[in-house]
Amino acid sequence: MLSFGAKIKYFRKKYNHTQKQLGRLCGISGKAISRYENETSAPDIFMLKKIAEIYDTDLNYLAGISSKVNNKFDLELSGIELDLIMWYRKIPKKMQKIIKKIIRVSFQDDTISYSDQSEVSPCVNENKDDEK
């Protein structure tokens, strides 16, 4: 599960806010937001509630009590998974379609074990077959 600081940073970047902008929305300095993200300081319950409201997320999620991001669904992602989502959202739609196709094809190939971290994509396997 992500730390409190990582959650604040994730939501801030998701909404394209700088630390200074989030600080302004909360009525505090950008340096205070930086300290929250770096976990050298922690907000009080009122500030935590304000941040949760700004980012439409569950207060218990921010505080690390629950994995429920908001009232719509449960979500527990690692840091790299959150990074991948943010990167995906920033790339052109045409590239998103290509990535969706790669993922779809990968899951249709029942010879790939998804528990193996060193797996290769079906596209690479096809290229190996072409070399024979």
Protein backbone atom coordinates (compact mmCIF):
# COMPACT_ATOMS: atom_id res chain seq x y z
CA MET A 1 0.00 0.00 0.00
CA LEU A 2 1.25 3.50 -0.76
CA SER A 3 2.41 5.76 2.03
CA PHE A 4 0.48 8.90 2.90
CA GLY A 5 3.06 11.13 1.20
CA ALA A 6 2.98 9.06 -1.99
CA LYS A 7 -0.83 9.28 -2.07
CA ILE A 8 -0.77 13.07 -1.75
CA LYS A 9 1.84 13.29 -4.51
CA TYR A 10 -0.14 10.92 -6.75
CA PHE A 11 -3.36 12.92 -6.46
CA ARG A 12 -1.55 16.24 -6.81
CA LYS A 13 0.12 15.09 -10.05
CA LYS A 14 -3.09 13.47 -11.30
CA TYR A 15 -4.82 16.85 -11.02
CA ASN A 16 -1.76 18.66 -12.44
CA HIS A 17 -1.30 20.69 -9.27
CA THR A 18 2.02 22.03 -8.07
CA GLN A 19 2.81 21.87 -4.38
CA LYS A 20 2.23 25.61 -4.26
CA GLN A 21 -1.19 25.29 -5.94
CA LEU A 22 -2.32 22.53 -3.58
CA GLY A 23 -1.01 24.57 -0.67
CA ARG A 24 -3.07 27.55 -1.82
CA LEU A 25 -6.20 25.39 -2.07
CA CYS A 26 -5.57 24.16 1.46
CA GLY A 27 -4.64 27.54 2.90
CA ILE A 28 -1.05 26.51 3.67
CA SER A 29 2.33 26.87 1.98
CA GLY A 30 3.71 24.72 -0.81
CA LYS A 31 6.57 23.86 1.56
CA ALA A 32 4.05 22.33 3.96
CA ILE A 33 2.76 20.12 1.11
CA SER A 34 6.36 19.14 0.35
CA ARG A 35 6.85 18.12 3.97
CA TYR A 36 3.66 16.00 3.82
CA GLU A 37 4.84 14.29 0.63
CA ASN A 38 8.31 13.67 2.08
CA GLU A 39 6.70 12.58 5.35
CA THR A 40 8.79 14.91 7.49
CA SER A 41 5.52 16.38 8.77
CA ALA A 42 1.93 15.18 8.96
CA PRO A 43 -1.29 17.15 8.55
CA ASP A 44 -3.86 17.35 11.30
CA ILE A 45 -7.24 15.71 10.79
CA PHE A 46 -8.81 18.92 9.47
CA MET A 47 -6.13 19.35 6.80
CA LEU A 48 -6.37 15.67 5.91
CA LYS A 49 -10.13 16.10 5.42
CA LYS A 50 -9.58 19.17 3.24
CA ILE A 51 -7.10 17.31 0.99
CA ALA A 52 -9.50 14.36 0.70
CA GLU A 53 -12.29 16.72 -0.36
CA ILE A 54 -10.11 18.51 -2.93
CA TYR A 55 -9.22 15.21 -4.57
CA ASP A 56 -12.63 13.55 -4.09
CA THR A 57 -11.09 10.65 -2.24
CA ASP A 58 -11.88 8.83 0.96
CA LEU A 59 -10.39 10.29 4.14
CA ASN A 60 -9.71 6.78 5.46
CA TYR A 61 -7.78 5.98 2.27
CA LEU A 62 -5.48 8.98 2.71
CA ALA A 63 -4.94 8.11 6.36
CA GLY A 64 -4.03 4.51 5.47
CA ILE A 65 -7.02 3.02 7.27
CA SER A 66 -8.72 1.70 4.11
CA SER A 67 -7.76 0.76 0.56
CA LYS A 68 -10.97 2.34 -0.69
CA VAL A 69 -9.93 5.32 -2.83
CA ASN A 70 -13.45 6.73 -3.06
CA ASN A 71 -17.00 5.52 -2.73
CA LYS A 72 -17.03 4.15 -6.27
CA PHE A 73 -14.48 1.31 -6.08
CA ASP A 74 -11.69 -0.35 -4.15
CA LEU A 75 -8.21 0.08 -5.56
CA GLU A 76 -4.85 -1.03 -4.29
CA LEU A 77 -2.05 -0.15 -6.68
CA SER A 78 1.71 -0.18 -6.33
CA GLY A 79 3.79 2.88 -7.10
CA ILE A 80 4.78 1.57 -10.56
CA GLU A 81 1.14 0.82 -11.37
CA LEU A 82 0.20 4.39 -10.51
CA ASP A 83 3.11 5.66 -12.63
CA LEU A 84 1.97 3.55 -15.58
CA ILE A 85 -1.54 4.96 -15.33
CA MET A 86 -0.24 8.54 -15.22
CA TRP A 87 2.10 7.92 -18.19
CA TYR A 88 -0.70 6.25 -20.16
CA ARG A 89 -2.96 9.25 -19.65
CA LYS A 90 -0.28 11.59 -21.00
CA ILE A 91 0.43 9.79 -24.27
CA PRO A 92 -1.51 10.45 -27.50
CA LYS A 93 -4.77 8.55 -28.08
CA LYS A 94 -3.25 6.70 -31.03
CA MET A 95 -0.50 5.31 -28.81
CA GLN A 96 -3.08 4.37 -26.15
CA LYS A 97 -4.90 2.28 -28.77
CA ILE A 98 -1.67 0.47 -29.66
CA ILE A 99 -0.96 -0.27 -26.00
CA LYS A 100 -4.52 -1.59 -25.51
CA LYS A 101 -4.04 -3.94 -28.49
CA ILE A 102 -0.72 -5.22 -27.11
CA ILE A 103 -2.31 -5.92 -23.74
CA ARG A 104 -5.38 -7.56 -25.29
CA VAL A 105 -3.21 -9.83 -27.47
CA SER A 106 -1.01 -10.69 -24.48
CA PHE A 107 -3.99 -11.89 -22.46
CA GLN A 108 -5.37 -13.92 -25.35
CA ASP A 109 -2.14 -15.95 -25.57
CA ASP A 110 -2.78 -18.71 -23.02
CA THR A 111 0.81 -19.96 -23.23
CA ILE A 112 2.09 -17.00 -21.21
CA SER A 113 2.26 -17.31 -17.44
CA TYR A 114 1.39 -13.94 -15.94
CA SER A 115 2.87 -14.87 -12.57
CA ASP A 116 6.34 -14.89 -14.16
CA GLN A 117 7.92 -11.42 -13.98
CA SER A 118 10.42 -12.24 -16.74
CA GLU A 119 7.82 -13.09 -19.38
CA VAL A 120 8.04 -11.79 -22.91
CA SER A 121 5.18 -10.45 -24.98
CA PRO A 122 3.50 -12.52 -27.71
CA CYS A 123 4.97 -10.08 -30.23
CA VAL A 124 8.50 -11.10 -29.21
CA ASN A 125 7.54 -14.79 -29.33
CA GLU A 126 6.22 -14.32 -32.88
CA ASN A 127 9.52 -12.73 -33.93
CA LYS A 128 11.43 -15.76 -32.56
CA ASP A 129 9.21 -18.07 -34.64
CA ASP A 130 10.00 -16.00 -37.74
CA GLU A 131 13.75 -16.50 -37.21
CA LYS A 132 13.47 -20.34 -37.40
